Amino acid sequence: MTSRREEGPANRLRQDYGGQEAGHYVRNMRTVRLKPDTTYGTYGQETKLSGPTPDKVMQLITGAWAASILGAAARHGVFTALEGNPDTAEGLARKTGISMRGAQALLDGLTGLGILALSSGKYQNKPDASAFLVKGKPGYLGAMAEVFLEDFGTWQKLPEAAKTGIPTAPHTTDVADNPFWHVLVTAIAPLSFPVAQLTAERLGLSTAGPIAWLDVGGGSGVWSAVWLGVNRQATGYQLDWPNVNAIGREFVAGFGVGDRFKTIDGDFHTADLGASKYDFIIYSHIAHMETPADNVTTFRKFRKALKPGGTLVVNDFVLNDDRTGHPFAMMFAAQMLVVTKDGFTYRQADYRSWLSEAGFPAIEIIPTPTPATVVLAR
């Protein structure tokens, strides 16, 4: 027989959450303080939890909250204001020009997410925030957080895209000169800095002499910015849409190497790349938007455009052959579902097959410290 006490709201709450309660509840006019990972019987006996808790699922459910808090903080320069200058909510509100209530809400959220630390009433950046969320630093990802914040509407239509297999984004990535690229290309550039540097070292570019490369769909020009800095005799060419190339020229010029950066306006699907012209061809974060057949066709064009002994560098989110891998790379298939007609995240085996079919006999797959993988084909 069930007692009235067991039917009360506190016990119903406990049952709903698998026996775990955070905080406290009132029983018989007396506050009962609850301990983590502990459930309580009818008369308050403590019993350790043995089953799963809702923490992981709740973290996923509120993922949009976390992204919104981070994006809002980046937009208002919270991390930049706190860098080297721990401050209170009131002080931060004055520095950033946001409301006191808004400052406190963001600071609470960021501290809860583990991005900020609180000590003696003042908030400060933790190492991840300092490295990746302070404007002006090479690893700055705050702009990417802002871009993703604006893209929530697209992701809200994922259920429809999953049902139909048809993208739901208002402008898919195959639209020529999609305005989305104009804000995205520089926002995601910091992700490619360490990969471009690692690859330059792997290829020995610093001592390679007067080489030339073609960056196909190069966007911001980040690969050329890094490589031109490594090799002062090199020339970098980028093929992309006109408005994106304009962004690339400005971006690369900021590194003091713009005089050796040349742009070619056009669409790589139809452009004539020539024959035996380049020592290297870079194909970064483009293959995932193409069909397997189109990738083979493109790789054949690249093979023809490379000089004898030249190397194709493919950088992308590549999965293991059993479709496991970096969590970001594994979630990226859903991004392709909502914004492309045919794109996907592909496996290492897929790249090996396509590149072999396109005439590349030597293929090397290199992991990086980022979610991306580098594939070298010769």
Protein backbone atom coordinates (compact mmCIF):
# COMPACT_ATOMS: atom_id res chain seq x y z
CA MET A 1 0.00 0.00 0.00
CA THR A 2 1.34 3.45 -0.94
CA SER A 3 1.45 6.07 1.80
CA ARG A 4 0.41 9.68 1.31
CA ARG A 5 4.00 10.72 1.88
CA GLU A 6 5.14 8.62 -1.10
CA GLU A 7 2.49 10.25 -3.28
CA GLY A 8 3.62 13.81 -2.50
CA PRO A 9 5.19 16.20 -5.02
CA ALA A 10 8.68 15.73 -3.63
CA ASN A 11 8.55 11.99 -4.20
CA ARG A 12 7.03 12.46 -7.64
CA LEU A 13 9.93 14.77 -8.48
CA ARG A 14 12.34 12.16 -7.20
CA GLN A 15 10.72 9.47 -9.33
CA ASP A 16 10.74 11.63 -12.45
CA TYR A 17 14.48 12.18 -12.14
CA GLY A 18 15.51 8.58 -11.59
CA GLY A 19 15.76 8.97 -7.83
CA GLN A 20 18.18 11.93 -7.88
CA GLU A 21 17.24 15.39 -6.66
CA ALA A 22 19.44 18.48 -6.65
CA GLY A 23 18.85 21.05 -3.91
CA HIS A 24 16.29 20.31 -1.20
CA TYR A 25 12.60 19.78 -0.49
CA VAL A 26 10.35 20.36 2.48
CA ARG A 27 8.99 17.35 4.37
CA ASN A 28 6.85 17.69 7.48
CA MET A 29 7.70 21.43 7.66
CA ARG A 30 11.41 20.59 7.84
CA THR A 31 13.97 21.28 5.10
CA VAL A 32 15.81 18.16 3.97
CA ARG A 33 19.14 18.98 2.28
CA LEU A 34 19.85 16.56 -0.53
CA LYS A 35 23.27 15.20 -1.42
CA PRO A 36 24.49 14.55 -4.99
CA ASP A 37 24.13 10.99 -6.27
CA THR A 38 21.83 10.11 -3.34
CA THR A 39 18.19 9.13 -3.30
CA TYR A 40 15.93 9.21 -0.24
CA GLY A 41 13.41 6.67 0.99
CA THR A 42 10.03 7.39 2.59
CA TYR A 43 11.53 8.24 5.96
CA GLY A 44 14.66 9.95 4.70
CA GLN A 45 17.00 6.97 4.55
CA GLU A 46 19.94 7.61 2.21
CA THR A 47 20.62 5.17 -0.64
CA LYS A 48 23.32 5.53 -3.30
CA LEU A 49 22.10 5.78 -6.89
CA SER A 50 22.70 2.71 -9.02
CA GLY A 51 21.22 3.77 -12.37
CA PRO A 52 21.77 6.55 -14.92
CA THR A 53 21.08 10.19 -14.11
CA PRO A 54 19.53 12.71 -16.51
CA ASP A 55 22.63 14.93 -16.56
CA LYS A 56 23.86 13.92 -20.03
CA VAL A 57 20.46 14.18 -21.65
CA MET A 58 19.77 17.52 -19.96
CA GLN A 59 23.12 18.80 -21.18
CA LEU A 60 22.15 17.91 -24.74
CA ILE A 61 18.64 19.32 -24.42
CA THR A 62 20.03 22.66 -23.25
CA GLY A 63 22.83 22.71 -25.82
CA ALA A 64 21.19 25.64 -27.60
CA TRP A 65 21.24 27.56 -24.31
CA ALA A 66 24.99 27.02 -24.02
CA ALA A 67 25.62 28.09 -27.62
CA SER A 68 23.43 31.16 -27.16
CA ILE A 69 25.18 32.21 -23.96
CA LEU A 70 28.57 31.80 -25.62
CA GLY A 71 27.52 33.61 -28.79
CA ALA A 72 25.98 36.50 -26.86
CA ALA A 73 29.08 36.84 -24.68
CA ALA A 74 31.33 36.86 -27.74
CA ARG A 75 29.18 39.48 -29.48
CA HIS A 76 29.37 41.79 -26.47
CA GLY A 77 33.10 41.29 -25.98
CA VAL A 78 32.82 39.72 -22.54
CA PHE A 79 35.95 37.58 -22.82
CA THR A 80 38.00 40.40 -24.30
CA ALA A 81 36.96 42.70 -21.46
CA LEU A 82 37.93 40.11 -18.84
CA GLU A 83 41.28 39.12 -20.37
CA GLY A 84 43.90 40.01 -17.78
CA ASN A 85 41.30 42.08 -15.91
CA PRO A 86 39.03 40.04 -13.61
CA ASP A 87 35.90 42.00 -12.79
CA THR A 88 32.50 41.97 -11.13
CA ALA A 89 29.21 41.84 -13.01
CA GLU A 90 28.75 45.56 -12.40
CA GLY A 91 32.21 46.35 -13.76
CA LEU A 92 31.71 44.16 -16.80
CA ALA A 93 28.37 45.82 -17.54
CA ARG A 94 30.09 49.20 -17.58
CA LYS A 95 32.94 48.00 -19.83
CA THR A 96 30.75 46.27 -22.40
CA GLY A 97 27.73 48.58 -22.34
CA ILE A 98 25.25 45.82 -21.53
CA SER A 99 22.71 45.78 -18.72
CA MET A 100 23.66 44.72 -15.22
CA ARG A 101 21.00 42.02 -15.33
CA GLY A 102 22.30 40.78 -18.68
CA ALA A 103 25.91 40.80 -17.48
CA GLN A 104 25.07 38.71 -14.44
CA ALA A 105 23.04 36.22 -16.49
CA LEU A 106 25.87 35.74 -18.98
CA LEU A 107 28.50 35.47 -16.25
CA ASP A 108 26.44 32.90 -14.35
CA GLY A 109 25.98 30.83 -17.49
CA LEU A 110 29.61 31.03 -18.58
CA THR A 111 30.81 30.07 -15.12
CA GLY A 112 28.41 27.15 -15.07
CA LEU A 113 29.74 26.06 -18.45
CA GLY A 114 33.28 26.09 -17.11
CA ILE A 115 34.54 28.88 -19.38
CA LEU A 116 34.92 31.49 -16.61
CA ALA A 117 36.10 31.21 -13.00
CA LEU A 118 34.68 33.14 -10.03
CA SER A 119 36.88 34.20 -7.15
CA SER A 120 36.17 36.81 -4.46
CA GLY A 121 33.24 38.17 -6.45
CA LYS A 122 35.26 38.68 -9.64
CA TYR A 123 35.07 36.71 -12.87
CA GLN A 124 38.06 35.79 -15.02
CA ASN A 125 38.76 33.84 -18.19
CA LYS A 126 39.78 30.23 -17.83
CA PRO A 127 42.48 28.94 -20.24
CA ASP A 128 40.06 27.89 -23.00
CA ALA A 129 38.37 31.29 -23.00
CA SER A 130 41.71 33.07 -23.02
CA ALA A 131 43.01 31.01 -25.95
CA PHE A 132 39.93 30.93 -28.18
CA LEU A 133 37.47 33.69 -27.20
CA VAL A 134 39.57 36.85 -26.90
CA LYS A 135 39.35 39.06 -29.97
CA GLY A 136 42.64 39.65 -31.73
CA LYS A 137 44.19 36.31 -30.78
CA PRO A 138 44.98 33.93 -33.68
CA GLY A 139 42.79 31.17 -32.27
CA TYR A 140 39.72 33.39 -31.84
CA LEU A 141 36.51 31.38 -32.35
CA GLY A 142 34.07 33.94 -31.00
CA ALA A 143 33.05 34.94 -34.53
CA MET A 144 32.19 31.33 -35.24
CA ALA A 145 30.03 31.26 -32.11
CA GLU A 146 28.18 34.32 -33.43
CA VAL A 147 27.65 32.76 -36.87
CA PHE A 148 26.26 29.57 -35.36
CA LEU A 149 23.98 31.62 -33.12
CA GLU A 150 22.40 33.18 -36.20
CA ASP A 151 22.00 29.74 -37.82
CA PHE A 152 19.65 28.23 -35.22
CA GLY A 153 16.67 28.64 -37.55
CA THR A 154 18.24 26.25 -40.03
CA TRP A 155 18.83 23.58 -37.39
CA GLN A 156 15.28 23.83 -36.11
CA LYS A 157 14.22 22.27 -39.42
CA LEU A 158 16.48 19.22 -39.03
CA PRO A 159 13.53 16.88 -38.29
CA GLU A 160 12.06 17.73 -41.71
CA ALA A 161 15.42 17.28 -43.45
CA ALA A 162 15.94 13.94 -41.70
CA LYS A 163 12.54 12.73 -42.91
CA THR A 164 12.92 13.82 -46.53
CA GLY A 165 16.70 13.79 -47.06
CA ILE A 166 16.30 17.22 -48.66
CA PRO A 167 18.06 20.32 -47.30
CA THR A 168 15.92 22.85 -45.46
CA ALA A 169 18.32 25.82 -45.44
CA PRO A 170 17.02 28.90 -47.35
CA HIS A 171 20.30 29.03 -49.32
CA THR A 172 22.09 25.75 -49.89
CA THR A 173 25.85 25.68 -50.28
CA ASP A 174 25.65 25.04 -54.01
CA VAL A 175 24.21 28.53 -54.58
CA ALA A 176 26.84 30.59 -56.38
CA ASP A 177 28.46 33.14 -54.08
CA ASN A 178 26.15 32.31 -51.18
CA PRO A 179 26.14 35.33 -48.81
CA PHE A 180 26.59 32.89 -45.92
CA TRP A 181 30.21 32.35 -47.00
CA HIS A 182 30.99 36.04 -46.63
CA VAL A 183 30.60 35.83 -42.86
CA LEU A 184 31.66 32.22 -42.40
CA VAL A 185 35.04 32.14 -44.16
CA THR A 186 36.90 34.36 -41.70
CA ALA A 187 34.95 33.04 -38.70
CA ILE A 188 36.21 29.49 -39.26
CA ALA A 189 39.74 30.46 -40.33
CA PRO A 190 41.24 29.88 -36.84
CA LEU A 191 40.33 26.18 -37.12
CA SER A 192 42.69 25.88 -40.09
CA PHE A 193 45.73 27.69 -38.65
CA PRO A 194 47.18 24.70 -36.75
CA VAL A 195 46.32 22.30 -39.60
CA ALA A 196 48.02 24.48 -42.22
CA GLN A 197 51.09 24.84 -40.00
CA LEU A 198 51.28 21.11 -39.31
CA THR A 199 50.96 20.33 -43.02
CA ALA A 200 53.63 22.88 -43.99
CA GLU A 201 56.04 21.19 -41.61
CA ARG A 202 55.11 17.73 -42.90
CA LEU A 203 55.75 18.82 -46.51
CA GLY A 204 58.98 20.68 -45.71
CA LEU A 205 57.73 23.90 -47.28
CA SER A 206 60.22 26.16 -45.51
CA THR A 207 63.07 24.78 -47.63
CA ALA A 208 61.11 23.97 -50.79
CA GLY A 209 62.25 27.08 -52.73
CA PRO A 210 60.13 29.02 -55.25
CA ILE A 211 57.04 26.80 -55.26
CA ALA A 212 53.45 27.59 -56.26
CA TRP A 213 50.13 26.19 -55.11
CA LEU A 214 46.45 26.51 -55.92
CA ASP A 215 43.97 26.70 -53.05
CA VAL A 216 40.61 25.63 -54.49
CA GLY A 217 37.69 27.24 -52.68
CA GLY A 218 40.23 28.82 -50.33
CA GLY A 219 37.80 31.27 -48.71
CA SER A 220 39.67 33.48 -46.26
CA GLY A 221 43.03 32.46 -47.71
CA VAL A 222 44.21 31.15 -44.35
CA TRP A 223 46.25 28.31 -45.88
CA SER A 224 48.09 30.73 -48.15
CA ALA A 225 48.60 33.17 -45.27
CA VAL A 226 50.34 30.44 -43.27
CA TRP A 227 52.29 28.88 -46.14
CA LEU A 228 53.49 32.20 -47.57
CA GLY A 229 54.80 33.06 -44.13
CA VAL A 230 56.71 29.78 -44.00
CA ASN A 231 58.22 30.09 -47.50
CA ARG A 232 59.24 33.59 -48.59
CA GLN A 233 59.92 32.46 -52.17
CA ALA A 234 56.50 30.89 -52.74
CA THR A 235 53.45 32.16 -54.61
CA GLY A 236 49.93 31.22 -53.59
CA TYR A 237 46.94 31.19 -55.93
CA GLN A 238 43.32 30.94 -54.80
CA LEU A 239 40.30 29.97 -56.91
CA ASP A 240 36.97 31.12 -55.48
CA TRP A 241 33.98 33.34 -56.15
CA PRO A 242 34.80 37.06 -56.67
CA ASN A 243 33.37 38.39 -53.40
CA VAL A 244 35.04 35.65 -51.39
CA ASN A 245 38.36 36.29 -53.11
CA ALA A 246 38.09 39.94 -52.09
CA ILE A 247 37.77 38.81 -48.47
CA GLY A 248 40.75 36.51 -48.96
CA ARG A 249 42.98 39.27 -50.34
CA GLU A 250 42.24 41.50 -47.36
CA PHE A 251 42.76 38.65 -44.89
CA VAL A 252 46.08 37.51 -46.36
CA ALA A 253 47.35 41.10 -46.67
CA GLY A 254 46.96 41.39 -42.90
CA PHE A 255 49.80 38.89 -42.54
CA GLY A 256 52.17 40.96 -44.65
CA VAL A 257 52.35 38.45 -47.50
CA GLY A 258 49.63 39.77 -49.80
CA ASP A 259 52.09 40.65 -52.58
CA ARG A 260 52.56 36.92 -53.30
CA PHE A 261 48.89 35.98 -53.07
CA LYS A 262 46.99 35.87 -56.39
CA THR A 263 43.28 35.20 -56.85
CA ILE A 264 41.36 33.60 -59.71
CA ASP A 265 37.63 34.30 -59.84
CA GLY A 266 35.46 31.37 -60.84
CA ASP A 267 33.81 28.06 -60.00
CA PHE A 268 36.18 25.12 -59.70
CA HIS A 269 33.58 22.79 -61.20
CA THR A 270 33.90 24.52 -64.57
CA ALA A 271 37.24 26.35 -64.40
CA ASP A 272 40.17 25.10 -66.49
CA LEU A 273 42.96 24.47 -64.00
CA GLY A 274 45.56 23.82 -66.69
CA ALA A 275 48.17 21.07 -66.75
CA SER A 276 51.36 20.59 -64.71
CA LYS A 277 51.14 24.09 -63.22
CA TYR A 278 51.27 23.68 -59.45
CA ASP A 279 53.52 22.00 -56.91
CA PHE A 280 50.59 21.67 -54.50
CA ILE A 281 46.82 21.89 -54.68
CA ILE A 282 44.83 22.53 -51.48
CA TYR A 283 41.23 21.34 -51.18
CA SER A 284 40.09 22.31 -47.69
CA HIS A 285 36.58 21.67 -46.36
CA ILE A 286 35.03 21.36 -49.80
CA ALA A 287 34.85 17.61 -50.48
CA HIS A 288 32.12 17.15 -47.85
CA MET A 289 29.75 19.26 -49.96
CA GLU A 290 30.23 17.14 -53.10
CA THR A 291 28.94 13.77 -54.26
CA PRO A 292 31.38 10.86 -54.45
CA ALA A 293 31.28 10.98 -58.26
CA ASP A 294 31.95 14.72 -58.30
CA ASN A 295 34.89 14.29 -55.94
CA VAL A 296 36.46 11.72 -58.28
CA THR A 297 35.98 14.08 -61.24
CA THR A 298 37.52 16.98 -59.31
CA PHE A 299 40.46 14.90 -58.10
CA ARG A 300 41.21 13.93 -61.71
CA LYS A 301 41.36 17.63 -62.62
CA PHE A 302 43.72 18.21 -59.73
CA ARG A 303 45.94 15.32 -60.82
CA LYS A 304 46.26 16.89 -64.25
CA ALA A 305 46.98 20.38 -62.86
CA LEU A 306 49.74 19.18 -60.54
CA LYS A 307 53.34 19.06 -61.68
CA PRO A 308 54.95 15.60 -61.79
CA GLY A 309 55.63 14.66 -58.18
CA GLY A 310 53.18 17.29 -56.93
CA THR A 311 50.95 16.77 -53.89
CA LEU A 312 47.22 17.20 -53.36
CA VAL A 313 46.32 18.30 -49.82
CA VAL A 314 42.75 17.50 -48.76
CA ASN A 315 41.61 18.85 -45.39
CA ASP A 316 38.20 17.79 -44.13
CA PHE A 317 36.14 16.18 -41.40
CA VAL A 318 36.94 12.54 -42.14
CA LEU A 319 35.50 9.59 -40.24
CA ASN A 320 37.08 6.23 -39.54
CA ASP A 321 35.99 3.38 -41.78
CA ASP A 322 33.41 2.24 -39.19
CA ARG A 323 31.96 5.81 -39.13
CA THR A 324 33.39 6.69 -35.74
CA GLY A 325 35.69 9.63 -35.10
CA HIS A 326 35.85 13.09 -33.58
CA PRO A 327 32.42 14.07 -32.14
CA PHE A 328 32.31 17.29 -34.20
CA ALA A 329 33.05 15.36 -37.39
CA MET A 330 30.33 12.86 -36.54
CA MET A 331 27.73 15.59 -35.95
CA PHE A 332 28.78 17.35 -39.15
CA ALA A 333 26.76 14.92 -41.27
CA ALA A 334 23.62 16.58 -39.88
CA GLN A 335 24.95 19.99 -40.94
CA MET A 336 25.41 18.64 -44.47
CA LEU A 337 21.88 17.26 -44.39
CA VAL A 338 20.28 20.67 -43.75
CA VAL A 339 22.50 22.83 -46.00
CA THR A 340 23.51 20.65 -48.99
CA LYS A 341 21.70 18.57 -51.58
CA ASP A 342 24.25 15.77 -51.64
CA GLY A 343 26.98 16.51 -49.10
CA PHE A 344 28.00 14.24 -46.24
CA THR A 345 30.87 13.30 -43.98
CA TYR A 346 32.94 10.62 -45.64
CA ARG A 347 35.23 7.85 -44.38
CA GLN A 348 38.95 7.38 -44.85
CA ALA A 349 38.12 4.45 -47.14
CA ASP A 350 36.07 6.75 -49.37
CA TYR A 351 38.97 9.16 -49.88
CA ARG A 352 41.37 6.30 -50.57
CA SER A 353 39.00 4.89 -53.17
CA TRP A 354 38.32 8.21 -54.90
CA LEU A 355 41.95 9.28 -55.00
CA SER A 356 43.11 5.92 -56.30
CA GLU A 357 40.47 6.05 -59.02
CA ALA A 358 41.63 9.57 -59.90
CA GLY A 359 45.20 8.35 -60.45
CA PHE A 360 46.97 9.05 -57.16
CA PRO A 361 49.03 5.96 -56.24
CA ALA A 362 50.30 7.18 -52.85
CA ILE A 363 47.80 8.29 -50.18
CA GLU A 364 48.62 9.27 -46.59
CA ILE A 365 46.06 10.11 -43.88
CA ILE A 366 47.22 12.38 -41.06
CA PRO A 367 45.25 13.17 -37.87
CA THR A 368 45.46 16.70 -36.50
CA PRO A 369 44.83 18.36 -33.10
CA THR A 370 41.52 19.66 -34.50
CA PRO A 371 38.34 17.85 -35.64
CA ALA A 372 39.78 17.80 -39.17
CA THR A 373 41.98 15.24 -40.92
CA VAL A 374 44.58 15.85 -43.64
CA VAL A 375 44.85 13.53 -46.62
CA LEU A 376 48.00 13.79 -48.77
CA ALA A 377 47.86 12.29 -52.26
CA ARG A 378 50.74 12.03 -54.72
